[in-house]
Amino acid sequence: MRACITECMKACEIFHVVHKKSFRWKWRHTNGDGRAIESKESYALYFECITAARAAGYEPRKQQQRTAAAA
């Protein structure tokens, strides 16, 4: 099962968007011609966003950790 998730699903990324005085989560992927396509909906919870991306056939990439020197 794990091999199918990593090999069959397309990559996407999760990002936050401003919403009123807070933020929400969306996901996006890059299509064949290089354009970034965002999810139509935004999600209050990070986990909801990941679940929606996976349901659409995308696997969120691991977020890169920023080191203290890079921040």
PDB file of N, CA and C in Angstrom:
ATOM      1  N   MET A   1       0.825  -1.195   0.000  1.00  0.00           N
ATOM      2  CA  MET A   1       0.000   0.000   0.000  1.00  0.00           C
ATOM      3  C   MET A   1       0.868   1.258   0.000  1.00  0.00           C
ATOM      4  N   ARG A   2       1.925   1.280   0.778  1.00  0.00           N
ATOM      5  CA  ARG A   2       2.790   2.451   0.867  1.00  0.00           C
ATOM      6  C   ARG A   2       3.417   2.771  -0.492  1.00  0.00           C
ATOM      7  N   ALA A   3       3.809   1.743  -1.243  1.00  0.00           N
ATOM      8  CA  ALA A   3       4.416   1.974  -2.554  1.00  0.00           C
ATOM      9  C   ALA A   3       3.438   2.681  -3.490  1.00  0.00           C
ATOM     10  N   CYS A   4       2.169   2.323  -3.426  1.00  0.00           N
ATOM     11  CA  CYS A   4       1.170   2.963  -4.284  1.00  0.00           C
ATOM     12  C   CYS A   4       1.024   4.437  -3.919  1.00  0.00           C
ATOM     13  N   ILE A   5       1.047   4.751  -2.648  1.00  0.00           N
ATOM     14  CA  ILE A   5       0.908   6.151  -2.230  1.00  0.00           C
ATOM     15  C   ILE A   5       2.076   6.977  -2.748  1.00  0.00           C
ATOM     16  N   THR A   6       3.286   6.465  -2.620  1.00  0.00           N
ATOM     17  CA  THR A   6       4.445   7.253  -3.020  1.00  0.00           C
ATOM     18  C   THR A   6       4.695   7.225  -4.513  1.00  0.00           C
ATOM     19  N   GLU A   7       4.262   6.174  -5.217  1.00  0.00           N
ATOM     20  CA  GLU A   7       4.536   6.072  -6.645  1.00  0.00           C
ATOM     21  C   GLU A   7       3.353   6.479  -7.516  1.00  0.00           C
ATOM     22  N   CYS A   8       2.122   6.227  -7.076  1.00  0.00           N
ATOM     23  CA  CYS A   8       0.943   6.488  -7.901  1.00  0.00           C
ATOM     24  C   CYS A   8       0.397   7.905  -7.737  1.00  0.00           C
ATOM     25  N   MET A   9       0.558   8.478  -6.562  1.00  0.00           N
ATOM     26  CA  MET A   9      -0.028   9.787  -6.293  1.00  0.00           C
ATOM     27  C   MET A   9       0.917  10.898  -6.757  1.00  0.00           C
ATOM     28  N   LYS A  10       0.335  11.976  -7.246  1.00  0.00           N
ATOM     29  CA  LYS A  10       1.107  13.132  -7.685  1.00  0.00           C
ATOM     30  C   LYS A  10       1.417  14.017  -6.473  1.00  0.00           C
ATOM     31  N   ALA A  11       2.521  14.741  -6.543  1.00  0.00           N
ATOM     32  CA  ALA A  11       2.948  15.590  -5.429  1.00  0.00           C
ATOM     33  C   ALA A  11       2.169  16.906  -5.403  1.00  0.00           C
ATOM     34  N   CYS A  12       1.963  17.410  -4.204  1.00  0.00           N
ATOM     35  CA  CYS A  12       1.367  18.730  -4.022  1.00  0.00           C
ATOM     36  C   CYS A  12       1.996  19.363  -2.790  1.00  0.00           C
ATOM     37  N   GLU A  13       1.667  20.610  -2.542  1.00  0.00           N
ATOM     38  CA  GLU A  13       2.148  21.269  -1.333  1.00  0.00           C
ATOM     39  C   GLU A  13       0.988  21.928  -0.615  1.00  0.00           C
ATOM     40  N   ILE A  14       1.122  22.015   0.693  1.00  0.00           N
ATOM     41  CA  ILE A  14       0.125  22.645   1.547  1.00  0.00           C
ATOM     42  C   ILE A  14       0.651  24.028   1.918  1.00  0.00           C
ATOM     43  N   PHE A  15      -0.221  25.037   1.896  1.00  0.00           N
ATOM     44  CA  PHE A  15       0.200  26.389   2.259  1.00  0.00           C
ATOM     45  C   PHE A  15      -0.955  27.114   2.951  1.00  0.00           C
ATOM     46  N   HIS A  16      -0.614  28.161   3.677  1.00  0.00           N
ATOM     47  CA  HIS A  16      -1.664  28.913   4.379  1.00  0.00           C
ATOM     48  C   HIS A  16      -2.066  30.146   3.579  1.00  0.00           C
ATOM     49  N   VAL A  17      -3.301  30.570   3.771  1.00  0.00           N
ATOM     50  CA  VAL A  17      -3.833  31.774   3.137  1.00  0.00           C
ATOM     51  C   VAL A  17      -4.502  32.622   4.216  1.00  0.00           C
ATOM     52  N   VAL A  18      -4.453  33.928   4.049  1.00  0.00           N
ATOM     53  CA  VAL A  18      -5.068  34.841   5.006  1.00  0.00           C
ATOM     54  C   VAL A  18      -6.591  34.688   4.941  1.00  0.00           C
ATOM     55  N   HIS A  19      -7.196  34.649   6.102  1.00  0.00           N
ATOM     56  CA  HIS A  19      -8.650  34.546   6.193  1.00  0.00           C
ATOM     57  C   HIS A  19      -9.114  35.366   7.395  1.00  0.00           C
ATOM     58  N   LYS A  20      -9.761  36.485   7.129  1.00  0.00           N
ATOM     59  CA  LYS A  20     -10.192  37.429   8.171  1.00  0.00           C
ATOM     60  C   LYS A  20      -8.984  37.807   9.020  1.00  0.00           C
ATOM     61  N   LYS A  21      -9.019  37.556  10.332  1.00  0.00           N
ATOM     62  CA  LYS A  21      -7.882  37.889  11.193  1.00  0.00           C
ATOM     63  C   LYS A  21      -7.063  36.654  11.545  1.00  0.00           C
ATOM     64  N   SER A  22      -7.190  35.631  10.754  1.00  0.00           N
ATOM     65  CA  SER A  22      -6.498  34.368  10.994  1.00  0.00           C
ATOM     66  C   SER A  22      -5.984  33.827   9.661  1.00  0.00           C
ATOM     67  N   PHE A  23      -5.929  32.531   9.516  1.00  0.00           N
ATOM     68  CA  PHE A  23      -5.541  31.911   8.252  1.00  0.00           C
ATOM     69  C   PHE A  23      -6.223  30.557   8.112  1.00  0.00           C
ATOM     70  N   ARG A  24      -6.203  30.053   6.893  1.00  0.00           N
ATOM     71  CA  ARG A  24      -6.727  28.730   6.565  1.00  0.00           C
ATOM     72  C   ARG A  24      -5.699  28.034   5.699  1.00  0.00           C
ATOM     73  N   TRP A  25      -5.953  26.789   5.333  1.00  0.00           N
ATOM     74  CA  TRP A  25      -5.015  25.980   4.556  1.00  0.00           C
ATOM     75  C   TRP A  25      -5.589  25.644   3.183  1.00  0.00           C
ATOM     76  N   LYS A  26      -4.717  25.633   2.179  1.00  0.00           N
ATOM     77  CA  LYS A  26      -5.067  25.193   0.823  1.00  0.00           C
ATOM     78  C   LYS A  26      -3.942  24.288   0.337  1.00  0.00           C
ATOM     79  N   TRP A  27      -4.193  23.562  -0.733  1.00  0.00           N
ATOM     80  CA  TRP A  27      -3.144  22.768  -1.363  1.00  0.00           C
ATOM     81  C   TRP A  27      -3.072  23.141  -2.835  1.00  0.00           C
ATOM     82  N   ARG A  28      -1.904  22.923  -3.434  1.00  0.00           N
ATOM     83  CA  ARG A  28      -1.724  23.216  -4.855  1.00  0.00           C
ATOM     84  C   ARG A  28      -0.760  22.200  -5.464  1.00  0.00           C
ATOM     85  N   HIS A  29      -0.911  22.033  -6.766  1.00  0.00           N
ATOM     86  CA  HIS A  29      -0.025  21.151  -7.518  1.00  0.00           C
ATOM     87  C   HIS A  29       0.344  21.858  -8.810  1.00  0.00           C
ATOM     88  N   THR A  30       1.359  21.346  -9.475  1.00  0.00           N
ATOM     89  CA  THR A  30       1.788  21.895 -10.748  1.00  0.00           C
ATOM     90  C   THR A  30       1.324  20.961 -11.850  1.00  0.00           C
ATOM     91  N   ASN A  31       0.603  21.488 -12.828  1.00  0.00           N
ATOM     92  CA  ASN A  31       0.113  20.630 -13.909  1.00  0.00           C
ATOM     93  C   ASN A  31       1.200  20.435 -14.965  1.00  0.00           C
ATOM     94  N   GLY A  32       0.874  19.741 -16.031  1.00  0.00           N
ATOM     95  CA  GLY A  32       1.837  19.387 -17.068  1.00  0.00           C
ATOM     96  C   GLY A  32       2.521  20.555 -17.751  1.00  0.00           C
ATOM     97  N   ASP A  33       1.845  21.692 -17.863  1.00  0.00           N
ATOM     98  CA  ASP A  33       2.474  22.844 -18.526  1.00  0.00           C
ATOM     99  C   ASP A  33       3.138  23.811 -17.547  1.00  0.00           C
ATOM    100  N   GLY A  34       3.277  23.393 -16.271  1.00  0.00           N
ATOM    101  CA  GLY A  34       4.010  24.186 -15.295  1.00  0.00           C
ATOM    102  C   GLY A  34       3.189  25.187 -14.498  1.00  0.00           C
ATOM    103  N   ARG A  35       1.874  25.259 -14.744  1.00  0.00           N
ATOM    104  CA  ARG A  35       1.040  26.193 -13.987  1.00  0.00           C
ATOM    105  C   ARG A  35       0.663  25.598 -12.643  1.00  0.00           C
ATOM    106  N   ALA A  36       0.680  26.427 -11.602  1.00  0.00           N
ATOM    107  CA  ALA A  36       0.265  25.995 -10.269  1.00  0.00           C
ATOM    108  C   ALA A  36      -1.261  26.069 -10.182  1.00  0.00           C
ATOM    109  N   ILE A  37      -1.882  24.988  -9.784  1.00  0.00           N
ATOM    110  CA  ILE A  37      -3.330  24.917  -9.635  1.00  0.00           C
ATOM    111  C   ILE A  37      -3.643  24.748  -8.150  1.00  0.00           C
ATOM    112  N   GLU A  38      -4.415  25.682  -7.583  1.00  0.00           N
ATOM    113  CA  GLU A  38      -4.773  25.648  -6.164  1.00  0.00           C
ATOM    114  C   GLU A  38      -6.105  24.943  -5.957  1.00  0.00           C
ATOM    115  N   SER A  39      -6.271  24.407  -4.753  1.00  0.00           N
ATOM    116  CA  SER A  39      -7.569  23.829  -4.395  1.00  0.00           C
ATOM    117  C   SER A  39      -8.607  24.949  -4.374  1.00  0.00           C
ATOM    118  N   LYS A  40      -9.827  24.625  -4.731  1.00  0.00           N
ATOM    119  CA  LYS A  40     -10.896  25.624  -4.745  1.00  0.00           C
ATOM    120  C   LYS A  40     -11.303  26.006  -3.329  1.00  0.00           C
ATOM    121  N   GLU A  41     -11.268  25.039  -2.434  1.00  0.00           N
ATOM    122  CA  GLU A  41     -11.672  25.280  -1.046  1.00  0.00           C
ATOM    123  C   GLU A  41     -10.464  25.559  -0.174  1.00  0.00           C
ATOM    124  N   SER A  42     -10.708  26.237   0.928  1.00  0.00           N
ATOM    125  CA  SER A  42      -9.694  26.382   1.972  1.00  0.00           C
ATOM    126  C   SER A  42     -10.208  25.631   3.197  1.00  0.00           C
ATOM    127  N   TYR A  43      -9.302  25.231   4.071  1.00  0.00           N
ATOM    128  CA  TYR A  43      -9.639  24.366   5.195  1.00  0.00           C
ATOM    129  C   TYR A  43      -9.163  24.981   6.503  1.00  0.00           C
ATOM    130  N   ALA A  44      -9.999  24.889   7.523  1.00  0.00           N
ATOM    131  CA  ALA A  44      -9.656  25.451   8.828  1.00  0.00           C
ATOM    132  C   ALA A  44      -8.526  24.664   9.485  1.00  0.00           C
ATOM    133  N   LEU A  45      -8.505  23.359   9.264  1.00  0.00           N
ATOM    134  CA  LEU A  45      -7.496  22.508   9.889  1.00  0.00           C
ATOM    135  C   LEU A  45      -6.518  21.960   8.865  1.00  0.00           C
ATOM    136  N   TYR A  46      -5.259  21.921   9.229  1.00  0.00           N
ATOM    137  CA  TYR A  46      -4.204  21.390   8.365  1.00  0.00           C
ATOM    138  C   TYR A  46      -4.536  19.965   7.945  1.00  0.00           C
ATOM    139  N   PHE A  47      -4.980  19.148   8.885  1.00  0.00           N
ATOM    140  CA  PHE A  47      -5.301  17.749   8.595  1.00  0.00           C
ATOM    141  C   PHE A  47      -6.431  17.633   7.571  1.00  0.00           C
ATOM    142  N   GLU A  48      -7.416  18.519   7.645  1.00  0.00           N
ATOM    143  CA  GLU A  48      -8.508  18.506   6.659  1.00  0.00           C
ATOM    144  C   GLU A  48      -7.967  18.765   5.250  1.00  0.00           C
ATOM    145  N   CYS A  49      -7.006  19.655   5.156  1.00  0.00           N
ATOM    146  CA  CYS A  49      -6.412  19.996   3.864  1.00  0.00           C
ATOM    147  C   CYS A  49      -5.639  18.805   3.300  1.00  0.00           C
ATOM    148  N   ILE A  50      -4.853  18.145   4.137  1.00  0.00           N
ATOM    149  CA  ILE A  50      -4.113  16.958   3.700  1.00  0.00           C
ATOM    150  C   ILE A  50      -5.072  15.875   3.233  1.00  0.00           C
ATOM    151  N   THR A  51      -6.133  15.652   3.990  1.00  0.00           N
ATOM    152  CA  THR A  51      -7.125  14.627   3.643  1.00  0.00           C
ATOM    153  C   THR A  51      -7.779  14.936   2.295  1.00  0.00           C
ATOM    154  N   ALA A  52      -8.115  16.196   2.057  1.00  0.00           N
ATOM    155  CA  ALA A  52      -8.737  16.598   0.788  1.00  0.00           C
ATOM    156  C   ALA A  52      -7.766  16.404  -0.378  1.00  0.00           C
ATOM    157  N   ALA A  53      -6.497  16.747  -0.180  1.00  0.00           N
ATOM    158  CA  ALA A  53      -5.501  16.576  -1.242  1.00  0.00           C
ATOM    159  C   ALA A  53      -5.346  15.093  -1.585  1.00  0.00           C
ATOM    160  N   ARG A  54      -5.266  14.267  -0.568  1.00  0.00           N
ATOM    161  CA  ARG A  54      -5.131  12.819  -0.806  1.00  0.00           C
ATOM    162  C   ARG A  54      -6.365  12.256  -1.495  1.00  0.00           C
ATOM    163  N   ALA A  55      -7.542  12.730  -1.123  1.00  0.00           N
ATOM    164  CA  ALA A  55      -8.779  12.260  -1.758  1.00  0.00           C
ATOM    165  C   ALA A  55      -8.803  12.627  -3.245  1.00  0.00           C
ATOM    166  N   ALA A  56      -8.130  13.705  -3.614  1.00  0.00           N
ATOM    167  CA  ALA A  56      -8.061  14.140  -5.010  1.00  0.00           C
ATOM    168  C   ALA A  56      -6.914  13.469  -5.769  1.00  0.00           C
ATOM    169  N   GLY A  57      -6.141  12.608  -5.080  1.00  0.00           N
ATOM    170  CA  GLY A  57      -5.061  11.879  -5.744  1.00  0.00           C
ATOM    171  C   GLY A  57      -3.686  12.505  -5.619  1.00  0.00           C
ATOM    172  N   TYR A  58      -3.505  13.401  -4.646  1.00  0.00           N
ATOM    173  CA  TYR A  58      -2.221  14.074  -4.456  1.00  0.00           C
ATOM    174  C   TYR A  58      -1.665  13.753  -3.081  1.00  0.00           C
ATOM    175  N   GLU A  59      -0.347  13.663  -3.000  1.00  0.00           N
ATOM    176  CA  GLU A  59       0.335  13.416  -1.734  1.00  0.00           C
ATOM    177  C   GLU A  59       1.149  14.649  -1.378  1.00  0.00           C
ATOM    178  N   PRO A  60       0.849  15.276  -0.239  1.00  0.00           N
ATOM    179  CA  PRO A  60       1.613  16.461   0.164  1.00  0.00           C
ATOM    180  C   PRO A  60       3.094  16.134   0.359  1.00  0.00           C
ATOM    181  N   ARG A  61       3.937  17.017  -0.141  1.00  0.00           N
ATOM    182  CA  ARG A  61       5.377  16.879   0.063  1.00  0.00           C
ATOM    183  C   ARG A  61       5.700  17.202   1.506  1.00  0.00           C
ATOM    184  N   LYS A  62       6.771  16.639   1.985  1.00  0.00           N
ATOM    185  CA  LYS A  62       7.233  16.974   3.328  1.00  0.00           C
ATOM    186  C   LYS A  62       7.740  18.413   3.314  1.00  0.00           C
ATOM    187  N   GLN A  63       7.371  19.171   4.332  1.00  0.00           N
ATOM    188  CA  GLN A  63       7.825  20.550   4.439  1.00  0.00           C
ATOM    189  C   GLN A  63       9.287  20.570   4.848  1.00  0.00           C
ATOM    190  N   GLN A  64      10.069  21.433   4.235  1.00  0.00           N
ATOM    191  CA  GLN A  64      11.486  21.533   4.582  1.00  0.00           C
ATOM    192  C   GLN A  64      11.631  22.295   5.885  1.00  0.00           C
ATOM    193  N   GLN A  65      12.468  21.760   6.760  1.00  0.00           N
ATOM    194  CA  GLN A  65      12.737  22.411   8.040  1.00  0.00           C
ATOM    195  C   GLN A  65      13.716  23.556   7.804  1.00  0.00           C
ATOM    196  N   ARG A  66      13.446  24.682   8.427  1.00  0.00           N
ATOM    197  CA  ARG A  66      14.377  25.813   8.345  1.00  0.00           C
ATOM    198  C   ARG A  66      15.328  25.729   9.524  1.00  0.00           C
ATOM    199  N   THR A  67      16.590  25.864   9.279  1.00  0.00           N
ATOM    200  CA  THR A  67      17.563  25.870  10.360  1.00  0.00           C
ATOM    201  C   THR A  67      17.667  27.262  10.950  1.00  0.00           C
ATOM    202  N   ALA A  68      18.234  27.374  12.121  1.00  0.00           N
ATOM    203  CA  ALA A  68      18.375  28.671  12.783  1.00  0.00           C
ATOM    204  C   ALA A  68      19.226  29.608  11.935  1.00  0.00           C
ATOM    205  N   ALA A  69      20.217  29.083  11.231  1.00  0.00           N
ATOM    206  CA  ALA A  69      21.092  29.905  10.395  1.00  0.00           C
ATOM    207  C   ALA A  69      20.326  30.448   9.174  1.00  0.00           C
ATOM    208  N   ALA A  70      19.362  29.693   8.678  1.00  0.00           N
ATOM    209  CA  ALA A  70      18.619  30.110   7.491  1.00  0.00           C
ATOM    210  C   ALA A  70      17.483  31.062   7.820  1.00  0.00           C
ATOM    211  N   ALA A  71      17.044  31.070   9.055  1.00  0.00           N
ATOM    212  CA  ALA A  71      15.879  31.896   9.443  1.00  0.00           C
ATOM    213  C   ALA A  71      16.236  33.344   9.599  1.00  0.00           C
TER     214      ALA A  71
END
